[in-house]
């Protein structure tokens, strides 16, 4: 189940990168490596990815679908950690601009430990 979700996520990310005329490497580096804000195309590609997972609806971050993603996490402690992280960052994505909302939400996740959590889930 997790490998299927990861494969789908990669396919979505590639499609969104192409749609927004930005490389997947640039999107990832803007989130994981850069100390300055990402460019508009990268932010909009992130919005596209979140929209495909129903985490961005009507230009705002919505976490109602998160429960379905949490179900694939193998342990209760990791599920609790992931739910707390999502709840903490949800409010970051409530502004007027879809691309800025998506980027702010994704950046909050990264800054609060999402990368470590993902590594733990994927084992």
C-alpha atoms as a PDB file:
ATOM      1  CA  UNK A   1       0.000   0.000   0.000  1.00  0.00           C
ATOM      2  CA  UNK A   2       2.762   2.459   0.922  1.00  0.00           C
ATOM      3  CA  UNK A   3       4.746   1.616  -2.215  1.00  0.00           C
ATOM      4  CA  UNK A   4       1.619   2.161  -4.354  1.00  0.00           C
ATOM      5  CA  UNK A   5       1.050   5.548  -2.726  1.00  0.00           C
ATOM      6  CA  UNK A   6       4.708   6.494  -3.228  1.00  0.00           C
ATOM      7  CA  UNK A   7       4.569   5.451  -6.903  1.00  0.00           C
ATOM      8  CA  UNK A   8       1.394   7.455  -7.437  1.00  0.00           C
ATOM      9  CA  UNK A   9       2.949  10.429  -5.638  1.00  0.00           C
ATOM     10  CA  UNK A  10       5.989  10.353  -7.907  1.00  0.00           C
ATOM     11  CA  UNK A  11       3.785  10.177 -11.013  1.00  0.00           C
ATOM     12  CA  UNK A  12       1.689  13.118  -9.790  1.00  0.00           C
ATOM     13  CA  UNK A  13       4.808  15.128  -8.936  1.00  0.00           C
ATOM     14  CA  UNK A  14       6.264  14.523 -12.397  1.00  0.00           C
ATOM     15  CA  UNK A  15       3.002  15.535 -14.104  1.00  0.00           C
ATOM     16  CA  UNK A  16       2.661  18.667 -11.948  1.00  0.00           C
ATOM     17  CA  UNK A  17       6.269  19.656 -12.586  1.00  0.00           C
ATOM     18  CA  UNK A  18       5.736  19.348 -16.332  1.00  0.00           C
ATOM     19  CA  UNK A  19       2.439  21.250 -16.174  1.00  0.00           C
ATOM     20  CA  UNK A  20       4.146  24.104 -14.308  1.00  0.00           C
ATOM     21  CA  UNK A  21       7.298  24.090 -16.440  1.00  0.00           C
ATOM     22  CA  UNK A  22       9.689  23.288 -13.617  1.00  0.00           C
ATOM     23  CA  UNK A  23      11.929  20.316 -12.917  1.00  0.00           C
ATOM     24  CA  UNK A  24      11.154  17.879 -10.144  1.00  0.00           C
ATOM     25  CA  UNK A  25      14.677  18.483  -8.841  1.00  0.00           C
ATOM     26  CA  UNK A  26      14.005  22.220  -8.587  1.00  0.00           C
ATOM     27  CA  UNK A  27      10.771  21.624  -6.673  1.00  0.00           C
ATOM     28  CA  UNK A  28      12.492  19.312  -4.206  1.00  0.00           C
ATOM     29  CA  UNK A  29      15.513  21.554  -3.776  1.00  0.00           C
ATOM     30  CA  UNK A  30      13.291  24.582  -3.165  1.00  0.00           C
ATOM     31  CA  UNK A  31      11.676  22.721  -0.270  1.00  0.00           C
ATOM     32  CA  UNK A  32      14.561  20.743   1.127  1.00  0.00           C
ATOM     33  CA  UNK A  33      17.689  22.773   0.459  1.00  0.00           C
ATOM     34  CA  UNK A  34      16.919  26.393  -0.245  1.00  0.00           C
ATOM     35  CA  UNK A  35      16.952  29.073   2.405  1.00  0.00           C
ATOM     36  CA  UNK A  36      15.134  31.526   0.130  1.00  0.00           C
ATOM     37  CA  UNK A  37      11.576  31.266  -1.123  1.00  0.00           C
ATOM     38  CA  UNK A  38      10.821  29.021  -4.076  1.00  0.00           C
ATOM     39  CA  UNK A  39       9.946  30.464  -7.452  1.00  0.00           C
ATOM     40  CA  UNK A  40       6.311  30.769  -8.521  1.00  0.00           C
ATOM     41  CA  UNK A  41       6.403  27.725 -10.824  1.00  0.00           C
ATOM     42  CA  UNK A  42       7.711  25.497  -8.033  1.00  0.00           C
ATOM     43  CA  UNK A  43       5.069  26.779  -5.619  1.00  0.00           C
ATOM     44  CA  UNK A  44       2.305  26.144  -8.163  1.00  0.00           C
ATOM     45  CA  UNK A  45       3.652  22.651  -8.865  1.00  0.00           C
ATOM     46  CA  UNK A  46       3.399  21.935  -5.122  1.00  0.00           C
ATOM     47  CA  UNK A  47      -0.195  23.236  -5.231  1.00  0.00           C
ATOM     48  CA  UNK A  48      -0.920  20.869  -8.117  1.00  0.00           C
ATOM     49  CA  UNK A  49       0.468  17.928  -6.135  1.00  0.00           C
ATOM     50  CA  UNK A  50      -1.615  18.788  -3.070  1.00  0.00           C
ATOM     51  CA  UNK A  51      -4.716  19.183  -5.245  1.00  0.00           C
ATOM     52  CA  UNK A  52      -4.187  15.686  -6.648  1.00  0.00           C
ATOM     53  CA  UNK A  53      -4.182  14.333  -3.107  1.00  0.00           C
ATOM     54  CA  UNK A  54      -7.229  16.446  -2.191  1.00  0.00           C
ATOM     55  CA  UNK A  55      -5.211  18.395   0.356  1.00  0.00           C
ATOM     56  CA  UNK A  56      -5.765  21.688  -1.459  1.00  0.00           C
ATOM     57  CA  UNK A  57      -9.411  22.467  -2.194  1.00  0.00           C
ATOM     58  CA  UNK A  58     -10.756  25.830  -3.328  1.00  0.00           C
ATOM     59  CA  UNK A  59      -7.209  27.240  -3.076  1.00  0.00           C
ATOM     60  CA  UNK A  60      -6.902  26.412   0.644  1.00  0.00           C
ATOM     61  CA  UNK A  61      -5.219  23.565   2.490  1.00  0.00           C
ATOM     62  CA  UNK A  62      -7.822  21.057   3.681  1.00  0.00           C
ATOM     63  CA  UNK A  63      -6.826  18.108   5.777  1.00  0.00           C
ATOM     64  CA  UNK A  64     -10.086  16.142   5.817  1.00  0.00           C
ATOM     65  CA  UNK A  65      -8.547  13.531   3.503  1.00  0.00           C
ATOM     66  CA  UNK A  66      -5.530  13.039   5.759  1.00  0.00           C
ATOM     67  CA  UNK A  67      -7.201  10.206   7.675  1.00  0.00           C
ATOM     68  CA  UNK A  68      -6.978   8.019   4.583  1.00  0.00           C
ATOM     69  CA  UNK A  69      -3.250   8.670   4.302  1.00  0.00           C
ATOM     70  CA  UNK A  70      -2.703   8.075   8.007  1.00  0.00           C
ATOM     71  CA  UNK A  71      -4.267   4.620   7.691  1.00  0.00           C
ATOM     72  CA  UNK A  72      -1.264   3.406   5.670  1.00  0.00           C
ATOM     73  CA  UNK A  73       1.199   4.373   8.422  1.00  0.00           C
ATOM     74  CA  UNK A  74       2.212   1.142  10.160  1.00  0.00           C
ATOM     75  CA  UNK A  75       2.412   2.210  13.827  1.00  0.00           C
ATOM     76  CA  UNK A  76       0.144   4.230  16.088  1.00  0.00           C
ATOM     77  CA  UNK A  77       2.989   6.401  17.378  1.00  0.00           C
ATOM     78  CA  UNK A  78       3.923   7.455  13.835  1.00  0.00           C
ATOM     79  CA  UNK A  79       0.240   8.052  13.012  1.00  0.00           C
ATOM     80  CA  UNK A  80      -0.074  10.315  16.043  1.00  0.00           C
ATOM     81  CA  UNK A  81       3.095  12.184  15.096  1.00  0.00           C
ATOM     82  CA  UNK A  82       1.880  12.642  11.493  1.00  0.00           C
ATOM     83  CA  UNK A  83      -1.568  13.847  12.598  1.00  0.00           C
ATOM     84  CA  UNK A  84      -0.005  16.401  14.933  1.00  0.00           C
ATOM     85  CA  UNK A  85       2.265  17.670  12.181  1.00  0.00           C
ATOM     86  CA  UNK A  86      -0.632  18.038   9.736  1.00  0.00           C
ATOM     87  CA  UNK A  87      -2.763  19.863  12.314  1.00  0.00           C
ATOM     88  CA  UNK A  88       0.105  22.197  13.201  1.00  0.00           C
ATOM     89  CA  UNK A  89       0.720  23.189   9.573  1.00  0.00           C
ATOM     90  CA  UNK A  90      -2.860  23.286   8.263  1.00  0.00           C
ATOM     91  CA  UNK A  91      -3.349  26.923   9.249  1.00  0.00           C
ATOM     92  CA  UNK A  92      -0.332  27.931   7.134  1.00  0.00           C
ATOM     93  CA  UNK A  93      -2.309  27.254   3.980  1.00  0.00           C
ATOM     94  CA  UNK A  94      -5.340  29.489   4.451  1.00  0.00           C
ATOM     95  CA  UNK A  95      -4.342  32.683   2.583  1.00  0.00           C
ATOM     96  CA  UNK A  96      -5.790  34.033  -0.682  1.00  0.00           C
ATOM     97  CA  UNK A  97      -3.272  32.441  -3.101  1.00  0.00           C
ATOM     98  CA  UNK A  98      -3.291  28.687  -3.890  1.00  0.00           C
ATOM     99  CA  UNK A  99       0.402  28.481  -4.768  1.00  0.00           C
ATOM    100  CA  UNK A 100       1.520  30.411  -1.684  1.00  0.00           C
ATOM    101  CA  UNK A 101      -0.807  28.324   0.513  1.00  0.00           C
ATOM    102  CA  UNK A 102       0.601  25.071  -0.825  1.00  0.00           C
ATOM    103  CA  UNK A 103       4.199  26.206  -0.423  1.00  0.00           C
ATOM    104  CA  UNK A 104       3.644  27.546   3.109  1.00  0.00           C
ATOM    105  CA  UNK A 105       2.006  24.260   4.142  1.00  0.00           C
ATOM    106  CA  UNK A 106       4.734  22.107   2.574  1.00  0.00           C
ATOM    107  CA  UNK A 107       7.486  24.266   4.054  1.00  0.00           C
ATOM    108  CA  UNK A 108       5.891  24.040   7.508  1.00  0.00           C
ATOM    109  CA  UNK A 109       5.773  20.253   7.205  1.00  0.00           C
ATOM    110  CA  UNK A 110       9.450  20.174   6.250  1.00  0.00           C
ATOM    111  CA  UNK A 111      10.506  22.571   9.017  1.00  0.00           C
ATOM    112  CA  UNK A 112       8.649  20.539  11.633  1.00  0.00           C
ATOM    113  CA  UNK A 113      10.014  17.100  10.849  1.00  0.00           C
ATOM    114  CA  UNK A 114       8.099  15.651   7.907  1.00  0.00           C
ATOM    115  CA  UNK A 115      11.244  14.357   6.206  1.00  0.00           C
ATOM    116  CA  UNK A 116      12.254  12.379   9.291  1.00  0.00           C
ATOM    117  CA  UNK A 117       8.711  11.074   9.663  1.00  0.00           C
ATOM    118  CA  UNK A 118       8.553   9.965   6.020  1.00  0.00           C
ATOM    119  CA  UNK A 119      11.857   8.111   6.403  1.00  0.00           C
ATOM    120  CA  UNK A 120      10.493   6.336   9.487  1.00  0.00           C
ATOM    121  CA  UNK A 121       7.297   5.316   7.686  1.00  0.00           C
ATOM    122  CA  UNK A 122       9.115   4.061   4.594  1.00  0.00           C
ATOM    123  CA  UNK A 123      11.567   2.231   6.840  1.00  0.00           C
END
